[in-house]
């Protein structure tokens, strides 16, 4: 399981525009930085939907953590 620092670093690495939120595209990059695994946007959107995170808008750090924890729980990360 990723530490809070690892999650924060991954989030920041994905936040290309510096607005403290991640689009699905940015979140894919952040997840790859976190676990070294490549997910596609469809997989990430599915995880977002299952966590109650609207994949149609940008997610904040807490939402990113929920999605990552879900992916970890499923063994994807």
PDB file of N, CA and C in Angstrom:
ATOM      1  N   UNK A   1       0.849  -1.172   0.000  1.00  0.00           N
ATOM      2  CA  UNK A   1       0.000   0.000   0.000  1.00  0.00           C
ATOM      3  C   UNK A   1       0.896   1.238   0.000  1.00  0.00           C
ATOM      4  N   UNK A   2       0.562   2.178  -0.853  1.00  0.00           N
ATOM      5  CA  UNK A   2       1.351   3.401  -0.991  1.00  0.00           C
ATOM      6  C   UNK A   2       1.202   4.279   0.242  1.00  0.00           C
ATOM      7  N   UNK A   3       2.310   4.904   0.622  1.00  0.00           N
ATOM      8  CA  UNK A   3       2.276   5.824   1.758  1.00  0.00           C
ATOM      9  C   UNK A   3       1.623   7.144   1.339  1.00  0.00           C
ATOM     10  N   UNK A   4       1.256   7.938   2.318  1.00  0.00           N
ATOM     11  CA  UNK A   4       0.655   9.245   2.056  1.00  0.00           C
ATOM     12  C   UNK A   4       1.635  10.119   1.257  1.00  0.00           C
ATOM     13  N   UNK A   5       2.922  10.048   1.596  1.00  0.00           N
ATOM     14  CA  UNK A   5       3.927  10.825   0.854  1.00  0.00           C
ATOM     15  C   UNK A   5       4.021  10.365  -0.592  1.00  0.00           C
ATOM     16  N   UNK A   6       3.989   9.048  -0.810  1.00  0.00           N
ATOM     17  CA  UNK A   6       4.029   8.524  -2.173  1.00  0.00           C
ATOM     18  C   UNK A   6       2.812   8.984  -2.969  1.00  0.00           C
ATOM     19  N   UNK A   7       1.651   8.961  -2.322  1.00  0.00           N
ATOM     20  CA  UNK A   7       0.426   9.414  -2.986  1.00  0.00           C
ATOM     21  C   UNK A   7       0.516  10.891  -3.350  1.00  0.00           C
ATOM     22  N   UNK A   8       1.009  11.702  -2.422  1.00  0.00           N
ATOM     23  CA  UNK A   8       1.135  13.140  -2.669  1.00  0.00           C
ATOM     24  C   UNK A   8       2.124  13.392  -3.819  1.00  0.00           C
ATOM     25  N   UNK A   9       3.253  12.698  -3.804  1.00  0.00           N
ATOM     26  CA  UNK A   9       4.245  12.873  -4.871  1.00  0.00           C
ATOM     27  C   UNK A   9       3.692  12.457  -6.227  1.00  0.00           C
ATOM     28  N   UNK A  10       2.968  11.344  -6.257  1.00  0.00           N
ATOM     29  CA  UNK A  10       2.369  10.884  -7.515  1.00  0.00           C
ATOM     30  C   UNK A  10       1.329  11.885  -8.006  1.00  0.00           C
ATOM     31  N   UNK A  11       0.501  12.389  -7.079  1.00  0.00           N
ATOM     32  CA  UNK A  11      -0.516  13.374  -7.438  1.00  0.00           C
ATOM     33  C   UNK A  11       0.142  14.605  -8.058  1.00  0.00           C
ATOM     34  N   UNK A  12       1.184  15.089  -7.407  1.00  0.00           N
ATOM     35  CA  UNK A  12       1.866  16.289  -7.902  1.00  0.00           C
ATOM     36  C   UNK A  12       2.545  16.043  -9.239  1.00  0.00           C
ATOM     37  N   UNK A  13       3.065  14.830  -9.446  1.00  0.00           N
ATOM     38  CA  UNK A  13       3.708  14.531 -10.730  1.00  0.00           C
ATOM     39  C   UNK A  13       2.691  14.491 -11.864  1.00  0.00           C
ATOM     40  N   UNK A  14       1.458  14.102 -11.558  1.00  0.00           N
ATOM     41  CA  UNK A  14       0.422  14.063 -12.580  1.00  0.00           C
ATOM     42  C   UNK A  14      -0.236  15.400 -12.844  1.00  0.00           C
ATOM     43  N   UNK A  15      -0.138  16.317 -11.891  1.00  0.00           N
ATOM     44  CA  UNK A  15      -0.805  17.623 -11.991  1.00  0.00           C
ATOM     45  C   UNK A  15      -0.004  18.556 -12.899  1.00  0.00           C
ATOM     46  N   UNK A  16      -0.112  18.321 -14.176  1.00  0.00           N
ATOM     47  CA  UNK A  16       0.698  19.046 -15.154  1.00  0.00           C
ATOM     48  C   UNK A  16       0.399  20.531 -15.217  1.00  0.00           C
ATOM     49  N   UNK A  17      -0.853  20.911 -14.972  1.00  0.00           N
ATOM     50  CA  UNK A  17      -1.195  22.331 -15.077  1.00  0.00           C
ATOM     51  C   UNK A  17      -1.141  23.055 -13.735  1.00  0.00           C
ATOM     52  N   UNK A  18      -0.795  22.336 -12.669  1.00  0.00           N
ATOM     53  CA  UNK A  18      -0.587  22.963 -11.365  1.00  0.00           C
ATOM     54  C   UNK A  18      -1.823  23.498 -10.686  1.00  0.00           C
ATOM     55  N   UNK A  19      -3.005  22.952 -11.024  1.00  0.00           N
ATOM     56  CA  UNK A  19      -4.237  23.469 -10.431  1.00  0.00           C
ATOM     57  C   UNK A  19      -4.732  22.657  -9.232  1.00  0.00           C
ATOM     58  N   UNK A  20      -3.883  21.738  -8.744  1.00  0.00           N
ATOM     59  CA  UNK A  20      -4.207  20.892  -7.586  1.00  0.00           C
ATOM     60  C   UNK A  20      -5.403  19.971  -7.810  1.00  0.00           C
ATOM     61  N   UNK A  21      -5.653  19.652  -9.059  1.00  0.00           N
ATOM     62  CA  UNK A  21      -6.650  18.648  -9.429  1.00  0.00           C
ATOM     63  C   UNK A  21      -6.075  17.831 -10.575  1.00  0.00           C
ATOM     64  N   UNK A  22      -6.666  16.662 -10.788  1.00  0.00           N
ATOM     65  CA  UNK A  22      -6.221  15.799 -11.877  1.00  0.00           C
ATOM     66  C   UNK A  22      -7.382  15.473 -12.811  1.00  0.00           C
ATOM     67  N   UNK A  23      -7.146  15.641 -14.094  1.00  0.00           N
ATOM     68  CA  UNK A  23      -8.071  15.110 -15.088  1.00  0.00           C
ATOM     69  C   UNK A  23      -7.829  13.601 -15.147  1.00  0.00           C
ATOM     70  N   UNK A  24      -8.658  12.882 -15.850  1.00  0.00           N
ATOM     71  CA  UNK A  24      -8.442  11.444 -15.994  1.00  0.00           C
ATOM     72  C   UNK A  24      -7.084  11.198 -16.644  1.00  0.00           C
ATOM     73  N   UNK A  25      -6.750  11.964 -17.642  1.00  0.00           N
ATOM     74  CA  UNK A  25      -5.457  11.800 -18.326  1.00  0.00           C
ATOM     75  C   UNK A  25      -4.304  12.030 -17.346  1.00  0.00           C
ATOM     76  N   UNK A  26      -4.393  13.086 -16.538  1.00  0.00           N
ATOM     77  CA  UNK A  26      -3.355  13.360 -15.547  1.00  0.00           C
ATOM     78  C   UNK A  26      -3.302  12.256 -14.487  1.00  0.00           C
ATOM     79  N   UNK A  27      -4.473  11.746 -14.100  1.00  0.00           N
ATOM     80  CA  UNK A  27      -4.525  10.692 -13.085  1.00  0.00           C
ATOM     81  C   UNK A  27      -3.882   9.408 -13.593  1.00  0.00           C
ATOM     82  N   UNK A  28      -4.035   9.108 -14.868  1.00  0.00           N
ATOM     83  CA  UNK A  28      -3.371   7.933 -15.452  1.00  0.00           C
ATOM     84  C   UNK A  28      -1.862   8.080 -15.289  1.00  0.00           C
ATOM     85  N   UNK A  29      -1.345   9.265 -15.557  1.00  0.00           N
ATOM     86  CA  UNK A  29       0.085   9.537 -15.394  1.00  0.00           C
ATOM     87  C   UNK A  29       0.497   9.395 -13.932  1.00  0.00           C
ATOM     88  N   UNK A  30      -0.320   9.925 -13.024  1.00  0.00           N
ATOM     89  CA  UNK A  30      -0.012   9.861 -11.598  1.00  0.00           C
ATOM     90  C   UNK A  30      -0.004   8.422 -11.093  1.00  0.00           C
ATOM     91  N   UNK A  31      -0.956   7.626 -11.520  1.00  0.00           N
ATOM     92  CA  UNK A  31      -1.014   6.224 -11.106  1.00  0.00           C
ATOM     93  C   UNK A  31       0.208   5.476 -11.634  1.00  0.00           C
ATOM     94  N   UNK A  32       0.612   5.781 -12.848  1.00  0.00           N
ATOM     95  CA  UNK A  32       1.808   5.138 -13.404  1.00  0.00           C
ATOM     96  C   UNK A  32       3.036   5.526 -12.591  1.00  0.00           C
ATOM     97  N   UNK A  33       3.145   6.782 -12.188  1.00  0.00           N
ATOM     98  CA  UNK A  33       4.276   7.227 -11.365  1.00  0.00           C
ATOM     99  C   UNK A  33       4.268   6.534 -10.010  1.00  0.00           C
ATOM    100  N   UNK A  34       3.092   6.254  -9.518  1.00  0.00           N
ATOM    101  CA  UNK A  34       2.953   5.640  -8.201  1.00  0.00           C
ATOM    102  C   UNK A  34       3.329   4.167  -8.219  1.00  0.00           C
ATOM    103  N   UNK A  35       2.774   3.435  -9.151  1.00  0.00           N
ATOM    104  CA  UNK A  35       2.962   1.993  -9.124  1.00  0.00           C
ATOM    105  C   UNK A  35       3.778   1.428 -10.256  1.00  0.00           C
ATOM    106  N   UNK A  36       4.142   2.269 -11.213  1.00  0.00           N
ATOM    107  CA  UNK A  36       4.896   1.785 -12.349  1.00  0.00           C
ATOM    108  C   UNK A  36       4.065   0.984 -13.331  1.00  0.00           C
ATOM    109  N   UNK A  37       2.781   0.878 -13.047  1.00  0.00           N
ATOM    110  CA  UNK A  37       1.886   0.134 -13.950  1.00  0.00           C
ATOM    111  C   UNK A  37       1.136   1.105 -14.838  1.00  0.00           C
ATOM    112  N   UNK A  38       0.889   0.669 -16.040  1.00  0.00           N
ATOM    113  CA  UNK A  38       0.156   1.491 -16.984  1.00  0.00           C
ATOM    114  C   UNK A  38      -1.312   1.078 -16.976  1.00  0.00           C
ATOM    115  N   UNK A  39      -2.162   2.046 -16.681  1.00  0.00           N
ATOM    116  CA  UNK A  39      -3.605   1.853 -16.782  1.00  0.00           C
ATOM    117  C   UNK A  39      -4.097   2.710 -17.927  1.00  0.00           C
ATOM    118  N   UNK A  40      -5.168   2.296 -18.550  1.00  0.00           N
ATOM    119  CA  UNK A  40      -5.741   3.174 -19.553  1.00  0.00           C
ATOM    120  C   UNK A  40      -6.870   3.984 -18.925  1.00  0.00           C
ATOM    121  N   UNK A  41      -7.328   4.970 -19.665  1.00  0.00           N
ATOM    122  CA  UNK A  41      -8.353   5.873 -19.152  1.00  0.00           C
ATOM    123  C   UNK A  41      -9.641   5.134 -18.804  1.00  0.00           C
ATOM    124  N   UNK A  42      -9.973   4.108 -19.552  1.00  0.00           N
ATOM    125  CA  UNK A  42     -11.201   3.352 -19.304  1.00  0.00           C
ATOM    126  C   UNK A  42     -11.130   2.652 -17.938  1.00  0.00           C
ATOM    127  N   UNK A  43      -9.987   2.040 -17.636  1.00  0.00           N
ATOM    128  CA  UNK A  43      -9.823   1.377 -16.343  1.00  0.00           C
ATOM    129  C   UNK A  43      -9.929   2.384 -15.196  1.00  0.00           C
ATOM    130  N   UNK A  44      -9.303   3.535 -15.382  1.00  0.00           N
ATOM    131  CA  UNK A  44      -9.329   4.549 -14.336  1.00  0.00           C
ATOM    132  C   UNK A  44     -10.730   5.131 -14.176  1.00  0.00           C
ATOM    133  N   UNK A  45     -11.412   5.378 -15.267  1.00  0.00           N
ATOM    134  CA  UNK A  45     -12.789   5.889 -15.194  1.00  0.00           C
ATOM    135  C   UNK A  45     -13.695   4.893 -14.473  1.00  0.00           C
ATOM    136  N   UNK A  46     -13.506   3.610 -14.732  1.00  0.00           N
ATOM    137  CA  UNK A  46     -14.301   2.577 -14.059  1.00  0.00           C
ATOM    138  C   UNK A  46     -14.063   2.634 -12.554  1.00  0.00           C
ATOM    139  N   UNK A  47     -12.802   2.724 -12.142  1.00  0.00           N
ATOM    140  CA  UNK A  47     -12.478   2.812 -10.720  1.00  0.00           C
ATOM    141  C   UNK A  47     -13.076   4.083 -10.110  1.00  0.00           C
ATOM    142  N   UNK A  48     -13.014   5.184 -10.846  1.00  0.00           N
ATOM    143  CA  UNK A  48     -13.603   6.444 -10.370  1.00  0.00           C
ATOM    144  C   UNK A  48     -15.098   6.266 -10.129  1.00  0.00           C
ATOM    145  N   UNK A  49     -15.784   5.702 -11.108  1.00  0.00           N
ATOM    146  CA  UNK A  49     -17.233   5.508 -10.988  1.00  0.00           C
ATOM    147  C   UNK A  49     -17.583   4.629  -9.800  1.00  0.00           C
ATOM    148  N   UNK A  50     -16.795   3.591  -9.566  1.00  0.00           N
ATOM    149  CA  UNK A  50     -17.060   2.685  -8.452  1.00  0.00           C
ATOM    150  C   UNK A  50     -16.775   3.337  -7.104  1.00  0.00           C
ATOM    151  N   UNK A  51     -15.981   4.402  -7.109  1.00  0.00           N
ATOM    152  CA  UNK A  51     -15.657   5.129  -5.870  1.00  0.00           C
ATOM    153  C   UNK A  51     -16.533   6.359  -5.684  1.00  0.00           C
ATOM    154  N   UNK A  52     -17.424   6.599  -6.617  1.00  0.00           N
ATOM    155  CA  UNK A  52     -18.274   7.774  -6.531  1.00  0.00           C
ATOM    156  C   UNK A  52     -17.572   9.053  -6.940  1.00  0.00           C
ATOM    157  N   UNK A  53     -16.507   8.922  -7.711  1.00  0.00           N
ATOM    158  CA  UNK A  53     -15.768  10.084  -8.202  1.00  0.00           C
ATOM    159  C   UNK A  53     -16.192  10.327  -9.643  1.00  0.00           C
ATOM    160  N   UNK A  54     -16.636  11.536  -9.929  1.00  0.00           N
ATOM    161  CA  UNK A  54     -17.099  11.886 -11.266  1.00  0.00           C
ATOM    162  C   UNK A  54     -15.905  12.010 -12.202  1.00  0.00           C
ATOM    163  N   UNK A  55     -15.720  11.037 -13.091  1.00  0.00           N
ATOM    164  CA  UNK A  55     -14.583  11.029 -14.013  1.00  0.00           C
ATOM    165  C   UNK A  55     -14.726  12.095 -15.094  1.00  0.00           C
ATOM    166  N   UNK A  56     -15.879  12.732 -15.164  1.00  0.00           N
ATOM    167  CA  UNK A  56     -16.096  13.780 -16.152  1.00  0.00           C
ATOM    168  C   UNK A  56     -15.560  15.133 -15.723  1.00  0.00           C
ATOM    169  N   UNK A  57     -15.075  15.207 -14.508  1.00  0.00           N
ATOM    170  CA  UNK A  57     -14.476  16.451 -14.033  1.00  0.00           C
ATOM    171  C   UNK A  57     -13.147  16.116 -13.368  1.00  0.00           C
ATOM    172  N   UNK A  58     -12.423  17.123 -12.960  1.00  0.00           N
ATOM    173  CA  UNK A  58     -11.124  16.880 -12.339  1.00  0.00           C
ATOM    174  C   UNK A  58     -11.290  16.454 -10.891  1.00  0.00           C
ATOM    175  N   UNK A  59     -10.397  15.566 -10.431  1.00  0.00           N
ATOM    176  CA  UNK A  59     -10.479  15.059  -9.061  1.00  0.00           C
ATOM    177  C   UNK A  59      -9.447  15.743  -8.183  1.00  0.00           C
ATOM    178  N   UNK A  60      -9.805  15.917  -6.916  1.00  0.00           N
ATOM    179  CA  UNK A  60      -8.860  16.487  -5.964  1.00  0.00           C
ATOM    180  C   UNK A  60      -8.036  15.363  -5.331  1.00  0.00           C
ATOM    181  N   UNK A  61      -7.139  15.725  -4.429  1.00  0.00           N
ATOM    182  CA  UNK A  61      -6.234  14.744  -3.844  1.00  0.00           C
ATOM    183  C   UNK A  61      -6.992  13.648  -3.098  1.00  0.00           C
ATOM    184  N   UNK A  62      -7.989  14.016  -2.298  1.00  0.00           N
ATOM    185  CA  UNK A  62      -8.734  13.012  -1.528  1.00  0.00           C
ATOM    186  C   UNK A  62      -9.439  12.014  -2.440  1.00  0.00           C
ATOM    187  N   UNK A  63      -9.985  12.491  -3.539  1.00  0.00           N
ATOM    188  CA  UNK A  63     -10.638  11.595  -4.495  1.00  0.00           C
ATOM    189  C   UNK A  63      -9.603  10.683  -5.161  1.00  0.00           C
ATOM    190  N   UNK A  64      -8.451  11.232  -5.480  1.00  0.00           N
ATOM    191  CA  UNK A  64      -7.370  10.437  -6.054  1.00  0.00           C
ATOM    192  C   UNK A  64      -6.980   9.308  -5.102  1.00  0.00           C
ATOM    193  N   UNK A  65      -6.864   9.632  -3.825  1.00  0.00           N
ATOM    194  CA  UNK A  65      -6.508   8.617  -2.826  1.00  0.00           C
ATOM    195  C   UNK A  65      -7.562   7.511  -2.791  1.00  0.00           C
ATOM    196  N   UNK A  66      -8.846   7.875  -2.826  1.00  0.00           N
ATOM    197  CA  UNK A  66      -9.916   6.860  -2.825  1.00  0.00           C
ATOM    198  C   UNK A  66      -9.786   5.929  -4.022  1.00  0.00           C
ATOM    199  N   UNK A  67      -9.515   6.498  -5.179  1.00  0.00           N
ATOM    200  CA  UNK A  67      -9.386   5.686  -6.398  1.00  0.00           C
ATOM    201  C   UNK A  67      -8.164   4.770  -6.298  1.00  0.00           C
ATOM    202  N   UNK A  68      -7.041   5.294  -5.847  1.00  0.00           N
ATOM    203  CA  UNK A  68      -5.836   4.485  -5.707  1.00  0.00           C
ATOM    204  C   UNK A  68      -6.061   3.352  -4.714  1.00  0.00           C
ATOM    205  N   UNK A  69      -6.685   3.651  -3.587  1.00  0.00           N
ATOM    206  CA  UNK A  69      -6.935   2.609  -2.582  1.00  0.00           C
ATOM    207  C   UNK A  69      -7.827   1.512  -3.156  1.00  0.00           C
ATOM    208  N   UNK A  70      -8.791   1.899  -3.992  1.00  0.00           N
ATOM    209  CA  UNK A  70      -9.654   0.906  -4.638  1.00  0.00           C
ATOM    210  C   UNK A  70      -8.827   0.019  -5.569  1.00  0.00           C
ATOM    211  N   UNK A  71      -7.978   0.645  -6.376  1.00  0.00           N
ATOM    212  CA  UNK A  71      -7.131  -0.105  -7.299  1.00  0.00           C
ATOM    213  C   UNK A  71      -6.172  -1.022  -6.540  1.00  0.00           C
ATOM    214  N   UNK A  72      -5.638  -0.551  -5.415  1.00  0.00           N
ATOM    215  CA  UNK A  72      -4.767  -1.389  -4.585  1.00  0.00           C
ATOM    216  C   UNK A  72      -5.548  -2.567  -4.032  1.00  0.00           C
ATOM    217  N   UNK A  73      -6.765  -2.317  -3.567  1.00  0.00           N
ATOM    218  CA  UNK A  73      -7.598  -3.373  -3.010  1.00  0.00           C
ATOM    219  C   UNK A  73      -7.947  -4.453  -4.015  1.00  0.00           C
ATOM    220  N   UNK A  74      -8.018  -4.058  -5.273  1.00  0.00           N
ATOM    221  CA  UNK A  74      -8.325  -5.012  -6.353  1.00  0.00           C
ATOM    222  C   UNK A  74      -7.069  -5.692  -6.891  1.00  0.00           C
ATOM    223  N   UNK A  75      -5.905  -5.295  -6.365  1.00  0.00           N
ATOM    224  CA  UNK A  75      -4.655  -5.882  -6.831  1.00  0.00           C
ATOM    225  C   UNK A  75      -4.148  -5.327  -8.139  1.00  0.00           C
ATOM    226  N   UNK A  76      -4.742  -4.242  -8.594  1.00  0.00           N
ATOM    227  CA  UNK A  76      -4.313  -3.626  -9.844  1.00  0.00           C
ATOM    228  C   UNK A  76      -2.993  -2.884  -9.641  1.00  0.00           C
ATOM    229  N   UNK A  77      -2.826  -2.320  -8.476  1.00  0.00           N
ATOM    230  CA  UNK A  77      -1.566  -1.622  -8.130  1.00  0.00           C
ATOM    231  C   UNK A  77      -0.838  -2.393  -7.064  1.00  0.00           C
TER     232      UNK A  77
END
